[in-house]
Structure formats: C-alpha cells, structure tokens
Amino acid sequence: METNHLTELIEESIRLELNISELYKLFAETHPEDNEFWWQLHLEEKSHATLIRAARDSFIKRGKFPFNLVTDSISTLQESNLKVRKLIECFQQNPPGRTEACHTAIDLEQEVGEVHYTQFMEKKAENVVETVFQQLNRDDKDHEDRIRAYLNSICSTQA
C-alpha cells in the first residue's frame, strides 16, 4: 500500500476514534446517572486512537504497520467522521435521551472503521506487532455488546 494513502487512512481512523470518544464524553456529561459507563467508553476510544497513532509512529517507516488495523476506504472513514461530528453538534444543542444515546452508540460501533478495528483486535495475531497491539487493547473490547447490555438494563429499570 502506498505510504501517502496509508497515512491518510491512519489519520482518518485516529480522527474517528477521537470523534467517537468526544461523543461518549458528551453522553457522560449529559447523563450523570450513566456517567461512569460513558466515561469508560470515552477513555477506551481515546486509547484506540493512541494505539493507532503509536503504530503509525513506530512502524510505518519500517514497513511493519499492521495494515488490517484500519479499513482501506478513506471515503467511508470521512463519511463516518462527518456523521459523528454532526451528531456531536446536534446533541450539544439538544442532548439525546438515555436510550437514544445507546442506540446512537450502537449504530456508530457498527460503522466500518469501528468494526474493522474490532475485527483486527479479535483475530488471531499473525506476527509480533499484531500480538502486542492486541495485548495492549485486551480490556477495551466489545463496545457494541456492552452498550446493548447497558441499554437493556436501562429499559428494564424504566419498565
């Protein structure tokens, strides 16, 4: 893969992780009763961005960057970033309810960039670099499943 193309993919992937992190922080701030849950996801998304940045800084020049860590579609990543930025702007003006926040987060966790990252972290490592990244990320998995479980707990307490 051409270095310029890869660099652009990496930057968009980092931006997506940071944008989702910012959205989860907004959810934490607007829902004090769910603050701990959203704050943890906020920190994990920031951590994902840091891991991707570290891979970029450490391995791209050596040709050892784990290419399957990021999706190969710049346009899809850009669309996802635009979508998240619009959600942040909208929710800053009109915060979502608790269940809407969960549904929004589930939709975002199904976005290509997030799914690709999750698939990378769950696959069998093919080399030492992949193993290191998977070990660093071992506690930050299954966001979609965790959000679904949290949504179910919210719904059961509101019934």
Protein backbone atom coordinates (compact mmCIF):
# COMPACT_ATOMS: atom_id res chain seq x y z
CA MET A 1 0.00 0.00 0.00
CA GLU A 2 1.29 3.46 -0.89
CA THR A 3 2.59 5.34 2.17
CA ASN A 4 0.57 8.53 1.48
CA HIS A 5 -2.66 6.53 1.14
CA LEU A 6 -1.89 4.58 4.30
CA THR A 7 -1.07 7.78 6.20
CA GLU A 8 -4.41 9.28 5.18
CA LEU A 9 -6.25 6.12 6.27
CA ILE A 10 -4.47 6.20 9.61
CA GLU A 11 -5.25 9.88 10.20
CA GLU A 12 -8.95 9.39 9.38
CA SER A 13 -9.05 6.33 11.65
CA ILE A 14 -7.49 8.28 14.51
CA ARG A 15 -9.96 11.11 13.90
CA LEU A 16 -12.87 8.64 14.02
CA GLU A 17 -11.74 7.19 17.35
CA LEU A 18 -11.33 10.69 18.80
CA ASN A 19 -14.68 11.87 17.47
CA ILE A 20 -16.49 8.89 18.96
CA SER A 21 -14.59 9.49 22.19
CA GLU A 22 -15.84 13.08 22.21
CA LEU A 23 -19.42 11.93 21.64
CA TYR A 24 -19.21 9.45 24.52
CA LYS A 25 -17.80 12.21 26.72
CA LEU A 26 -20.81 14.34 25.80
CA PHE A 27 -23.11 11.46 26.79
CA ALA A 28 -21.25 11.18 30.11
CA GLU A 29 -21.74 14.89 30.76
CA THR A 30 -25.42 14.98 29.79
CA HIS A 31 -26.42 11.80 31.67
CA PRO A 32 -24.99 11.92 35.19
CA GLU A 33 -26.75 8.64 36.04
CA ASP A 34 -24.75 6.96 33.23
CA ASN A 35 -21.56 8.97 33.67
CA GLU A 36 -19.30 6.10 34.68
CA PHE A 37 -20.39 3.90 31.75
CA TRP A 38 -19.95 6.58 29.07
CA TRP A 39 -16.75 7.93 30.61
CA GLN A 40 -15.16 4.47 30.45
CA LEU A 41 -16.08 4.14 26.76
CA HIS A 42 -14.77 7.68 26.15
CA LEU A 43 -11.40 6.70 27.64
CA GLU A 44 -11.27 3.46 25.66
CA GLU A 45 -11.92 5.23 22.36
CA LYS A 46 -9.14 7.70 23.18
CA SER A 47 -6.93 4.71 23.91
CA HIS A 48 -7.76 3.22 20.50
CA ALA A 49 -6.65 6.46 18.85
CA THR A 50 -3.43 6.38 20.86
CA LEU A 51 -2.72 2.79 19.80
CA ILE A 52 -3.25 3.61 16.12
CA ARG A 53 -1.04 6.70 16.47
CA ALA A 54 1.67 4.62 18.18
CA ALA A 55 1.52 2.06 15.36
CA ARG A 56 1.87 4.86 12.84
CA ASP A 57 4.81 6.45 14.63
CA SER A 58 6.63 3.20 15.35
CA PHE A 59 6.04 1.01 12.33
CA ILE A 60 5.05 2.88 9.17
CA LYS A 61 8.62 3.94 8.27
CA ARG A 62 9.83 0.38 8.74
CA GLY A 63 7.06 -1.07 6.56
CA LYS A 64 5.74 -3.04 9.53
CA PHE A 65 2.47 -1.19 10.10
CA PRO A 66 -0.34 -3.73 10.64
CA PHE A 67 -2.37 -2.78 7.53
CA ASN A 68 -5.50 -4.56 8.67
CA LEU A 69 -5.68 -2.34 11.79
CA VAL A 70 -7.52 0.28 9.69
CA THR A 71 -10.07 -0.02 6.92
CA ASP A 72 -8.93 0.66 3.37
CA SER A 73 -11.72 3.11 2.46
CA ILE A 74 -10.86 6.76 3.01
CA SER A 75 -14.27 7.92 1.80
CA THR A 76 -16.08 5.64 4.27
CA LEU A 77 -13.94 6.92 7.13
CA GLN A 78 -14.53 10.51 6.08
CA GLU A 79 -18.30 9.91 5.92
CA SER A 80 -18.24 8.33 9.38
CA ASN A 81 -16.26 11.25 10.78
CA LEU A 82 -18.69 13.73 9.26
CA LYS A 83 -21.63 11.80 10.70
CA VAL A 84 -20.13 11.79 14.21
CA ARG A 85 -19.26 15.50 14.06
CA LYS A 86 -22.85 16.30 13.05
CA LEU A 87 -24.18 14.17 15.92
CA ILE A 88 -21.94 16.00 18.38
CA GLU A 89 -23.16 19.39 17.14
CA CYS A 90 -26.78 18.26 17.25
CA PHE A 91 -26.53 16.69 20.71
CA GLN A 92 -24.72 19.71 22.14
CA GLN A 93 -27.84 21.73 21.28
CA ASN A 94 -30.39 19.03 22.07
CA PRO A 95 -28.99 16.17 24.20
CA PRO A 96 -30.44 12.73 23.46
CA GLY A 97 -32.33 10.65 26.00
CA ARG A 98 -30.61 7.71 27.61
CA THR A 99 -31.95 5.11 25.20
CA GLU A 100 -31.30 7.32 22.16
CA ALA A 101 -27.69 7.75 23.31
CA CYS A 102 -27.33 3.96 23.48
CA HIS A 103 -28.93 3.41 20.08
CA THR A 104 -26.70 6.10 18.55
CA ALA A 105 -23.61 4.48 20.07
CA ILE A 106 -24.61 1.03 18.81
CA ASP A 107 -25.04 2.43 15.30
CA LEU A 108 -21.61 4.05 15.50
CA GLU A 109 -19.95 0.90 16.77
CA GLN A 110 -21.27 -0.79 13.61
CA GLU A 111 -19.55 1.79 11.38
CA VAL A 112 -16.86 0.39 9.10
CA GLY A 113 -13.90 1.93 10.94
CA GLU A 114 -15.03 0.68 14.33
CA VAL A 115 -15.94 -2.79 13.06
CA HIS A 116 -12.61 -3.07 11.27
CA TYR A 117 -10.71 -2.13 14.43
CA THR A 118 -12.69 -4.67 16.47
CA GLN A 119 -12.12 -7.41 13.91
CA PHE A 120 -8.39 -6.73 13.98
CA MET A 121 -8.31 -6.96 17.76
CA GLU A 122 -10.29 -10.23 17.80
CA LYS A 123 -8.48 -12.09 15.01
CA LYS A 124 -5.59 -14.48 15.51
CA ALA A 125 -2.40 -12.44 15.53
CA GLU A 126 -0.16 -13.17 12.57
CA ASN A 127 3.02 -11.55 13.91
CA VAL A 128 4.61 -9.99 16.97
CA VAL A 129 3.37 -6.47 16.14
CA GLU A 130 -0.26 -7.65 15.97
CA THR A 131 0.16 -9.60 19.21
CA VAL A 132 1.49 -6.51 21.01
CA PHE A 133 -1.43 -4.35 19.84
CA GLN A 134 -3.99 -6.97 20.79
CA GLN A 135 -2.46 -7.32 24.26
CA LEU A 136 -2.45 -3.56 24.77
CA ASN A 137 -6.13 -3.44 23.81
CA ARG A 138 -7.29 -6.59 25.62
CA ASP A 139 -9.51 -4.76 28.13
CA ASP A 140 -11.10 -2.36 25.62
CA LYS A 141 -13.24 -4.78 23.62
CA ASP A 142 -16.83 -5.45 22.79
CA HIS A 143 -18.18 -1.90 22.94
CA GLU A 144 -21.29 -2.76 20.94
CA ASP A 145 -22.13 -5.72 23.20
CA ARG A 146 -21.52 -3.68 26.33
CA ILE A 147 -23.73 -0.84 25.07
CA ARG A 148 -26.52 -3.28 24.16
CA ALA A 149 -26.35 -4.82 27.64
CA TYR A 150 -26.41 -1.35 29.20
CA LEU A 151 -29.40 -0.37 27.05
CA ASN A 152 -31.22 -3.50 28.21
CA SER A 153 -30.50 -2.61 31.83
CA ILE A 154 -31.84 0.92 31.29
CA CYS A 155 -35.00 -0.39 29.66
CA SER A 156 -35.61 -2.94 32.41
CA THR A 157 -35.27 -0.31 35.16
CA GLN A 158 -37.60 2.09 33.33
CA ALA A 159 -40.34 -0.53 32.81
